N, C-alpha and C. Protein backbone atom coordinates (compact mmCIF):
# COMPACT_ATOMS: atom_id res chain seq x y z
N MET A 1 3.62 -5.45 -15.98
CA MET A 1 4.27 -5.65 -14.70
C MET A 1 3.19 -5.66 -13.62
N SER A 2 3.33 -6.57 -12.69
CA SER A 2 2.37 -6.64 -11.59
C SER A 2 2.67 -5.55 -10.56
N VAL A 3 1.68 -5.24 -9.77
CA VAL A 3 1.88 -4.23 -8.73
C VAL A 3 2.90 -4.71 -7.70
N ALA A 4 2.90 -6.00 -7.39
CA ALA A 4 3.87 -6.53 -6.43
C ALA A 4 5.29 -6.37 -6.97
N THR A 5 5.48 -6.62 -8.25
CA THR A 5 6.81 -6.45 -8.86
C THR A 5 7.22 -4.99 -8.84
N ALA A 6 6.29 -4.10 -9.17
CA ALA A 6 6.60 -2.66 -9.17
C ALA A 6 7.03 -2.18 -7.79
N VAL A 7 6.31 -2.62 -6.76
CA VAL A 7 6.65 -2.23 -5.39
C VAL A 7 8.02 -2.80 -5.01
N ALA A 8 8.24 -4.07 -5.29
CA ALA A 8 9.52 -4.70 -4.95
C ALA A 8 10.68 -4.02 -5.66
N GLU A 9 10.51 -3.68 -6.93
CA GLU A 9 11.58 -3.02 -7.68
C GLU A 9 11.89 -1.64 -7.11
N ARG A 10 10.86 -0.92 -6.72
CA ARG A 10 11.09 0.41 -6.14
C ARG A 10 11.86 0.31 -4.82
N TYR A 11 11.47 -0.64 -3.98
CA TYR A 11 12.20 -0.81 -2.72
C TYR A 11 13.63 -1.29 -2.97
N ALA A 12 13.82 -2.17 -3.94
CA ALA A 12 15.17 -2.66 -4.24
C ALA A 12 16.07 -1.53 -4.72
N ALA A 13 15.53 -0.57 -5.45
CA ALA A 13 16.31 0.54 -5.97
C ALA A 13 16.59 1.62 -4.92
N ALA A 14 15.81 1.64 -3.85
CA ALA A 14 15.97 2.68 -2.82
C ALA A 14 17.23 2.40 -2.00
N ARG A 15 18.15 3.35 -1.97
CA ARG A 15 19.44 3.14 -1.30
C ARG A 15 19.66 4.01 -0.07
N THR A 16 18.83 5.00 0.11
CA THR A 16 19.00 5.93 1.24
C THR A 16 17.71 5.99 2.05
N ASP A 17 17.82 6.50 3.27
CA ASP A 17 16.60 6.66 4.08
C ASP A 17 15.55 7.49 3.34
N PRO A 18 15.92 8.66 2.77
CA PRO A 18 14.88 9.41 2.05
C PRO A 18 14.26 8.63 0.89
N SER A 19 15.07 7.88 0.14
CA SER A 19 14.48 7.15 -0.99
C SER A 19 13.60 5.99 -0.52
N LEU A 20 13.95 5.38 0.61
CA LEU A 20 13.09 4.34 1.18
C LEU A 20 11.74 4.94 1.60
N VAL A 21 11.79 6.10 2.24
CA VAL A 21 10.54 6.74 2.70
C VAL A 21 9.74 7.24 1.50
N GLU A 22 10.41 7.76 0.48
CA GLU A 22 9.69 8.17 -0.73
C GLU A 22 8.98 6.98 -1.37
N THR A 23 9.62 5.84 -1.37
CA THR A 23 8.99 4.63 -1.90
C THR A 23 7.76 4.27 -1.08
N ALA A 24 7.88 4.35 0.24
CA ALA A 24 6.73 4.05 1.10
C ALA A 24 5.57 5.02 0.82
N ILE A 25 5.90 6.28 0.61
CA ILE A 25 4.85 7.26 0.27
C ILE A 25 4.18 6.86 -1.04
N TRP A 26 4.97 6.50 -2.03
CA TRP A 26 4.43 6.10 -3.34
C TRP A 26 3.47 4.93 -3.19
N VAL A 27 3.87 3.93 -2.41
CA VAL A 27 3.03 2.74 -2.20
C VAL A 27 1.71 3.14 -1.54
N GLU A 28 1.77 3.97 -0.53
CA GLU A 28 0.55 4.37 0.19
C GLU A 28 -0.34 5.25 -0.68
N GLN A 29 0.26 6.14 -1.47
CA GLN A 29 -0.55 6.96 -2.38
C GLN A 29 -1.22 6.09 -3.44
N LEU A 30 -0.47 5.11 -3.95
CA LEU A 30 -1.06 4.19 -4.93
C LEU A 30 -2.25 3.47 -4.30
N GLY A 31 -2.11 3.02 -3.06
CA GLY A 31 -3.21 2.36 -2.37
C GLY A 31 -4.42 3.26 -2.22
N ALA A 32 -4.19 4.52 -1.86
CA ALA A 32 -5.31 5.46 -1.69
C ALA A 32 -6.09 5.61 -2.99
N LEU A 33 -5.37 5.82 -4.09
CA LEU A 33 -6.06 5.97 -5.38
C LEU A 33 -6.73 4.67 -5.83
N ALA A 34 -6.07 3.54 -5.59
CA ALA A 34 -6.65 2.26 -6.01
C ALA A 34 -7.92 1.93 -5.23
N TYR A 35 -7.89 2.14 -3.92
CA TYR A 35 -9.11 1.88 -3.13
C TYR A 35 -10.24 2.82 -3.55
N ALA A 36 -9.92 4.08 -3.80
CA ALA A 36 -10.96 5.03 -4.23
C ALA A 36 -11.54 4.60 -5.57
N ALA A 37 -10.69 4.16 -6.49
CA ALA A 37 -11.17 3.70 -7.80
C ALA A 37 -12.05 2.47 -7.65
N ALA A 38 -11.65 1.53 -6.80
CA ALA A 38 -12.44 0.32 -6.60
C ALA A 38 -13.78 0.64 -5.96
N ALA A 39 -13.81 1.64 -5.09
CA ALA A 39 -15.07 2.05 -4.46
C ALA A 39 -16.01 2.66 -5.49
N ASP A 40 -15.46 3.36 -6.49
CA ASP A 40 -16.31 3.93 -7.54
C ASP A 40 -16.92 2.83 -8.40
N ALA A 41 -16.18 1.82 -8.67
CA ALA A 41 -16.62 0.62 -9.41
C ALA A 41 -15.42 -0.29 -9.42
N PRO A 42 -15.52 -1.50 -9.22
CA PRO A 42 -16.67 -2.39 -9.29
C PRO A 42 -17.27 -2.79 -7.94
N LEU A 43 -16.69 -2.32 -6.82
CA LEU A 43 -17.18 -2.78 -5.52
C LEU A 43 -18.50 -2.13 -5.17
N SER A 44 -19.28 -2.81 -4.34
CA SER A 44 -20.57 -2.28 -3.90
C SER A 44 -20.82 -2.70 -2.45
N GLY A 45 -21.81 -2.10 -1.85
CA GLY A 45 -22.22 -2.47 -0.50
C GLY A 45 -21.12 -2.31 0.52
N ALA A 46 -20.99 -3.33 1.39
CA ALA A 46 -20.01 -3.28 2.47
C ALA A 46 -18.58 -3.22 1.93
N GLN A 47 -18.34 -3.89 0.81
CA GLN A 47 -16.99 -3.83 0.23
C GLN A 47 -16.65 -2.42 -0.24
N ARG A 48 -17.62 -1.74 -0.81
CA ARG A 48 -17.41 -0.35 -1.23
C ARG A 48 -17.14 0.52 -0.01
N ASP A 49 -17.93 0.35 1.04
CA ASP A 49 -17.73 1.14 2.27
C ASP A 49 -16.33 0.93 2.82
N ARG A 50 -15.88 -0.32 2.84
CA ARG A 50 -14.53 -0.61 3.34
C ARG A 50 -13.47 0.00 2.44
N ALA A 51 -13.66 -0.08 1.13
CA ALA A 51 -12.68 0.50 0.20
C ALA A 51 -12.56 2.01 0.42
N GLU A 52 -13.69 2.67 0.63
CA GLU A 52 -13.64 4.11 0.90
C GLU A 52 -12.90 4.40 2.20
N ARG A 53 -13.16 3.59 3.21
CA ARG A 53 -12.48 3.76 4.51
C ARG A 53 -10.99 3.47 4.37
N PHE A 54 -10.65 2.41 3.65
CA PHE A 54 -9.24 2.04 3.47
C PHE A 54 -8.51 3.10 2.64
N ALA A 55 -9.18 3.73 1.68
CA ALA A 55 -8.55 4.82 0.92
C ALA A 55 -8.13 5.94 1.87
N GLY A 56 -8.98 6.24 2.84
CA GLY A 56 -8.63 7.25 3.84
C GLY A 56 -7.45 6.82 4.69
N HIS A 57 -7.42 5.54 5.07
CA HIS A 57 -6.28 5.02 5.84
C HIS A 57 -4.99 5.18 5.05
N GLU A 58 -5.04 4.83 3.77
CA GLU A 58 -3.83 4.91 2.93
C GLU A 58 -3.36 6.36 2.81
N GLN A 59 -4.30 7.29 2.71
CA GLN A 59 -3.92 8.71 2.68
C GLN A 59 -3.24 9.11 3.99
N ASP A 60 -3.78 8.63 5.10
CA ASP A 60 -3.16 8.91 6.41
C ASP A 60 -1.76 8.30 6.49
N HIS A 61 -1.60 7.09 5.96
CA HIS A 61 -0.28 6.44 5.97
C HIS A 61 0.71 7.25 5.15
N ALA A 62 0.28 7.69 3.96
CA ALA A 62 1.16 8.49 3.11
C ALA A 62 1.55 9.79 3.82
N ALA A 63 0.60 10.40 4.50
CA ALA A 63 0.88 11.64 5.23
C ALA A 63 1.87 11.40 6.38
N ALA A 64 1.74 10.28 7.05
CA ALA A 64 2.66 9.96 8.14
C ALA A 64 4.08 9.78 7.60
N PHE A 65 4.21 9.08 6.48
CA PHE A 65 5.54 8.93 5.88
C PHE A 65 6.06 10.27 5.36
N ALA A 66 5.17 11.11 4.83
CA ALA A 66 5.60 12.43 4.37
C ALA A 66 6.16 13.25 5.54
N THR A 67 5.54 13.14 6.69
CA THR A 67 6.06 13.82 7.89
C THR A 67 7.45 13.31 8.22
N MET A 68 7.65 12.00 8.09
CA MET A 68 8.98 11.43 8.36
C MET A 68 10.01 11.93 7.35
N LEU A 69 9.59 12.07 6.09
CA LEU A 69 10.50 12.58 5.07
C LEU A 69 10.89 14.03 5.38
N LEU A 70 9.92 14.81 5.79
CA LEU A 70 10.21 16.20 6.17
C LEU A 70 11.15 16.25 7.37
N ALA A 71 11.02 15.31 8.29
CA ALA A 71 11.91 15.25 9.44
C ALA A 71 13.35 14.98 9.01
N LEU A 72 13.51 14.33 7.87
CA LEU A 72 14.85 14.11 7.31
C LEU A 72 15.32 15.32 6.50
N THR A 73 14.53 16.39 6.55
CA THR A 73 14.75 17.66 5.82
C THR A 73 14.77 17.47 4.31
N VAL A 74 13.91 16.57 3.84
CA VAL A 74 13.78 16.33 2.40
C VAL A 74 12.36 16.74 1.99
N PRO A 75 12.24 17.60 0.97
CA PRO A 75 10.89 17.96 0.52
C PRO A 75 10.16 16.77 -0.09
N VAL A 76 8.86 16.76 0.07
CA VAL A 76 8.03 15.66 -0.44
C VAL A 76 7.67 15.98 -1.89
N ARG A 77 8.15 15.12 -2.79
CA ARG A 77 7.89 15.30 -4.22
C ARG A 77 7.34 14.03 -4.85
N VAL A 78 6.67 13.23 -4.08
CA VAL A 78 6.13 11.97 -4.58
C VAL A 78 4.65 12.19 -4.91
N HIS A 79 4.28 11.86 -6.13
CA HIS A 79 2.90 12.04 -6.54
C HIS A 79 2.48 10.90 -7.46
N VAL A 80 1.64 10.04 -6.95
CA VAL A 80 1.08 8.95 -7.76
C VAL A 80 -0.10 9.52 -8.53
N SER A 81 -0.28 9.03 -9.75
CA SER A 81 -1.38 9.51 -10.57
C SER A 81 -2.33 8.36 -10.92
N ASP A 82 -3.47 8.73 -11.46
CA ASP A 82 -4.41 7.71 -11.94
C ASP A 82 -3.77 6.84 -13.01
N ALA A 83 -2.82 7.39 -13.76
CA ALA A 83 -2.14 6.60 -14.78
C ALA A 83 -1.35 5.45 -14.15
N ASP A 84 -0.78 5.69 -12.96
CA ASP A 84 -0.07 4.61 -12.26
C ASP A 84 -1.04 3.49 -11.88
N VAL A 85 -2.22 3.87 -11.39
CA VAL A 85 -3.23 2.88 -11.04
C VAL A 85 -3.67 2.12 -12.28
N ASP A 86 -3.92 2.85 -13.36
CA ASP A 86 -4.36 2.21 -14.60
C ASP A 86 -3.32 1.23 -15.14
N GLU A 87 -2.04 1.58 -15.02
CA GLU A 87 -0.98 0.72 -15.53
C GLU A 87 -0.79 -0.53 -14.67
N LEU A 88 -0.79 -0.35 -13.34
CA LEU A 88 -0.44 -1.44 -12.43
C LEU A 88 -1.63 -2.20 -11.86
N MET A 89 -2.79 -1.55 -11.82
CA MET A 89 -3.94 -2.16 -11.16
C MET A 89 -5.24 -1.89 -11.92
N PRO A 90 -5.28 -2.18 -13.21
CA PRO A 90 -6.48 -1.86 -14.00
C PRO A 90 -7.75 -2.53 -13.48
N ALA A 91 -7.62 -3.62 -12.75
CA ALA A 91 -8.80 -4.34 -12.26
C ALA A 91 -9.64 -3.50 -11.30
N VAL A 92 -9.03 -2.50 -10.65
CA VAL A 92 -9.83 -1.69 -9.72
C VAL A 92 -10.83 -0.80 -10.45
N ARG A 93 -10.65 -0.65 -11.75
CA ARG A 93 -11.60 0.14 -12.55
C ARG A 93 -12.47 -0.75 -13.44
N GLY A 94 -12.32 -2.04 -13.30
CA GLY A 94 -13.06 -2.98 -14.15
C GLY A 94 -14.45 -3.24 -13.63
N ASP A 95 -15.01 -4.34 -14.09
CA ASP A 95 -16.39 -4.69 -13.71
C ASP A 95 -16.44 -5.98 -12.90
N ARG A 96 -15.28 -6.46 -12.45
CA ARG A 96 -15.23 -7.71 -11.68
C ARG A 96 -14.77 -7.43 -10.26
N PRO A 97 -15.66 -7.44 -9.29
CA PRO A 97 -15.27 -7.15 -7.91
C PRO A 97 -14.16 -8.07 -7.40
N ARG A 98 -14.23 -9.34 -7.73
CA ARG A 98 -13.20 -10.27 -7.23
C ARG A 98 -11.81 -9.89 -7.75
N ALA A 99 -11.72 -9.50 -9.01
CA ALA A 99 -10.44 -9.09 -9.58
C ALA A 99 -9.90 -7.84 -8.87
N ALA A 100 -10.80 -6.92 -8.53
CA ALA A 100 -10.38 -5.73 -7.80
C ALA A 100 -9.85 -6.11 -6.42
N LEU A 101 -10.57 -6.99 -5.73
CA LEU A 101 -10.12 -7.43 -4.40
C LEU A 101 -8.78 -8.15 -4.49
N GLU A 102 -8.59 -8.95 -5.53
CA GLU A 102 -7.32 -9.68 -5.72
C GLU A 102 -6.15 -8.72 -5.84
N VAL A 103 -6.29 -7.70 -6.68
CA VAL A 103 -5.18 -6.79 -6.90
C VAL A 103 -4.96 -5.88 -5.69
N LEU A 104 -6.01 -5.55 -4.96
CA LEU A 104 -5.84 -4.78 -3.72
C LEU A 104 -5.10 -5.62 -2.68
N ALA A 105 -5.43 -6.91 -2.59
CA ALA A 105 -4.73 -7.80 -1.67
C ALA A 105 -3.26 -7.93 -2.09
N GLU A 106 -3.01 -8.00 -3.39
CA GLU A 106 -1.63 -8.06 -3.88
C GLU A 106 -0.86 -6.81 -3.45
N LEU A 107 -1.49 -5.65 -3.59
CA LEU A 107 -0.84 -4.40 -3.18
C LEU A 107 -0.54 -4.39 -1.68
N GLU A 108 -1.52 -4.80 -0.87
CA GLU A 108 -1.30 -4.80 0.58
C GLU A 108 -0.16 -5.75 0.95
N GLY A 109 -0.13 -6.92 0.32
CA GLY A 109 0.94 -7.86 0.59
C GLY A 109 2.29 -7.29 0.18
N ALA A 110 2.33 -6.65 -0.98
CA ALA A 110 3.57 -6.04 -1.45
C ALA A 110 3.99 -4.90 -0.53
N ALA A 111 3.02 -4.15 -0.02
CA ALA A 111 3.34 -3.06 0.90
C ALA A 111 3.97 -3.61 2.17
N ILE A 112 3.41 -4.68 2.71
CA ILE A 112 3.98 -5.30 3.92
C ILE A 112 5.42 -5.76 3.65
N ALA A 113 5.62 -6.46 2.55
CA ALA A 113 6.96 -6.94 2.22
C ALA A 113 7.92 -5.76 2.02
N GLY A 114 7.44 -4.71 1.37
CA GLY A 114 8.28 -3.53 1.15
C GLY A 114 8.61 -2.80 2.43
N HIS A 115 7.63 -2.67 3.30
CA HIS A 115 7.88 -1.99 4.57
C HIS A 115 8.86 -2.80 5.44
N GLN A 116 8.86 -4.12 5.26
CA GLN A 116 9.86 -4.92 5.97
C GLN A 116 11.26 -4.61 5.45
N VAL A 117 11.39 -4.41 4.14
CA VAL A 117 12.67 -3.99 3.56
C VAL A 117 13.08 -2.64 4.15
N LEU A 118 12.15 -1.72 4.17
CA LEU A 118 12.41 -0.39 4.74
C LEU A 118 12.90 -0.53 6.18
N ALA A 119 12.24 -1.33 6.97
CA ALA A 119 12.60 -1.47 8.38
C ALA A 119 13.99 -2.06 8.56
N ARG A 120 14.37 -2.99 7.69
CA ARG A 120 15.69 -3.62 7.80
C ARG A 120 16.81 -2.69 7.36
N ARG A 121 16.55 -1.80 6.41
CA ARG A 121 17.61 -1.00 5.81
C ARG A 121 17.69 0.42 6.33
N LEU A 122 16.72 0.83 7.10
CA LEU A 122 16.64 2.21 7.57
C LEU A 122 17.72 2.53 8.59
N HIS A 123 18.33 3.69 8.46
CA HIS A 123 19.31 4.16 9.44
C HIS A 123 18.65 5.05 10.49
N ALA A 124 17.66 5.83 10.08
CA ALA A 124 16.95 6.74 11.00
C ALA A 124 15.89 5.92 11.74
N VAL A 125 16.28 5.39 12.88
CA VAL A 125 15.40 4.45 13.59
C VAL A 125 14.11 5.08 14.09
N ASP A 126 14.05 6.39 14.21
CA ASP A 126 12.81 7.05 14.64
C ASP A 126 11.67 6.75 13.67
N ILE A 127 12.01 6.46 12.43
CA ILE A 127 10.98 6.20 11.41
C ILE A 127 10.37 4.81 11.59
N LEU A 128 11.07 3.93 12.29
CA LEU A 128 10.57 2.57 12.47
C LEU A 128 9.20 2.52 13.14
N ARG A 129 8.96 3.41 14.09
CA ARG A 129 7.67 3.42 14.78
C ARG A 129 6.54 3.66 13.78
N THR A 130 6.74 4.64 12.91
CA THR A 130 5.73 4.93 11.89
C THR A 130 5.58 3.76 10.92
N ALA A 131 6.71 3.21 10.50
CA ALA A 131 6.66 2.07 9.57
C ALA A 131 5.90 0.90 10.20
N GLY A 132 6.14 0.64 11.46
CA GLY A 132 5.44 -0.46 12.15
C GLY A 132 3.94 -0.24 12.22
N MET A 133 3.54 1.00 12.52
CA MET A 133 2.10 1.28 12.60
C MET A 133 1.44 1.15 11.23
N VAL A 134 2.11 1.64 10.20
CA VAL A 134 1.56 1.55 8.85
C VAL A 134 1.50 0.08 8.40
N MET A 135 2.54 -0.68 8.72
CA MET A 135 2.54 -2.10 8.36
C MET A 135 1.40 -2.83 9.07
N GLY A 136 1.12 -2.47 10.31
CA GLY A 136 0.00 -3.06 11.03
C GLY A 136 -1.32 -2.76 10.34
N GLY A 137 -1.48 -1.53 9.85
CA GLY A 137 -2.69 -1.17 9.10
C GLY A 137 -2.82 -1.97 7.83
N ALA A 138 -1.70 -2.14 7.12
CA ALA A 138 -1.72 -2.94 5.88
C ALA A 138 -2.11 -4.38 6.18
N ALA A 139 -1.61 -4.92 7.29
CA ALA A 139 -1.94 -6.29 7.67
C ALA A 139 -3.44 -6.43 7.96
N GLN A 140 -4.01 -5.43 8.63
CA GLN A 140 -5.45 -5.46 8.89
C GLN A 140 -6.24 -5.43 7.59
N HIS A 141 -5.82 -4.57 6.66
CA HIS A 141 -6.50 -4.52 5.36
C HIS A 141 -6.39 -5.86 4.65
N LEU A 142 -5.20 -6.46 4.69
CA LEU A 142 -4.99 -7.74 4.02
C LEU A 142 -5.89 -8.83 4.60
N VAL A 143 -6.07 -8.85 5.89
CA VAL A 143 -6.97 -9.82 6.53
C VAL A 143 -8.39 -9.65 6.00
N VAL A 144 -8.86 -8.42 5.92
CA VAL A 144 -10.22 -8.16 5.43
C VAL A 144 -10.35 -8.59 3.97
N LEU A 145 -9.36 -8.24 3.16
CA LEU A 145 -9.42 -8.60 1.74
C LEU A 145 -9.38 -10.12 1.56
N ARG A 146 -8.51 -10.79 2.28
CA ARG A 146 -8.46 -12.25 2.18
C ARG A 146 -9.79 -12.87 2.61
N THR A 147 -10.39 -12.35 3.65
CA THR A 147 -11.68 -12.85 4.11
C THR A 147 -12.74 -12.67 3.02
N ASP A 148 -12.76 -11.47 2.41
CA ASP A 148 -13.71 -11.23 1.32
C ASP A 148 -13.49 -12.17 0.14
N LEU A 149 -12.24 -12.59 -0.04
CA LEU A 149 -11.91 -13.51 -1.14
C LEU A 149 -12.12 -14.97 -0.77
N GLY A 150 -12.53 -15.23 0.48
CA GLY A 150 -12.76 -16.60 0.93
C GLY A 150 -11.48 -17.36 1.24
N ARG A 151 -10.42 -16.63 1.53
CA ARG A 151 -9.14 -17.25 1.85
C ARG A 151 -8.91 -17.19 3.36
N PRO A 152 -8.00 -18.02 3.86
CA PRO A 152 -7.64 -17.89 5.28
C PRO A 152 -7.08 -16.49 5.51
N PRO A 153 -7.50 -15.84 6.57
CA PRO A 153 -7.10 -14.44 6.77
C PRO A 153 -5.63 -14.23 7.13
N THR A 154 -5.01 -15.22 7.74
CA THR A 154 -3.61 -15.06 8.14
C THR A 154 -2.83 -16.34 7.91
N ARG A 155 -1.52 -16.21 8.00
CA ARG A 155 -0.62 -17.34 7.92
C ARG A 155 0.26 -17.32 9.15
N ALA A 156 0.83 -18.45 9.51
CA ALA A 156 1.64 -18.53 10.72
C ALA A 156 2.83 -17.57 10.68
N PHE A 157 3.48 -17.45 9.53
CA PHE A 157 4.63 -16.57 9.39
C PHE A 157 4.35 -15.61 8.25
N GLU A 158 3.66 -14.54 8.54
CA GLU A 158 3.20 -13.60 7.51
C GLU A 158 4.36 -12.78 6.98
N ASN A 159 4.47 -12.72 5.67
CA ASN A 159 5.46 -11.86 5.04
C ASN A 159 4.83 -10.95 4.01
N GLY A 160 3.51 -11.01 3.89
CA GLY A 160 2.81 -10.18 2.95
C GLY A 160 2.65 -10.77 1.56
N LEU A 161 3.41 -11.81 1.27
CA LEU A 161 3.34 -12.36 -0.09
C LEU A 161 2.62 -13.69 -0.13
């Protein structure tokens, strides 16, 4: 299963505000671990530096969503593991930098599409501000990844996919 499919399926299954936010936390935690793994290998130089920085951003995004979950009085019990990264994004641990960048771009695109689902279905509108900021961060990451891949950085009507 691709990472985009996994993200889409999780958002499709989420039926409540807490489950939507838990899904967002899962996506951001997956991103943090994936970027950290890609920084360890196969990325190097400026790409490695960006991956390390983006891993920190993803951790911050997960923490922001965790705060929103706590505001809904729901304990945070979402924990992504290295096994999730290995199953969905093995290229970040491989030896091909381009493959790692491809799967990271796929994750960022899936995150944007998923956060759009969250924004449309959310009842607790206070969470929208956080979702919008996190989606903006994902879009910035996607632009950088597309540029590194030699692709146009944006599209006229961006949907993440």
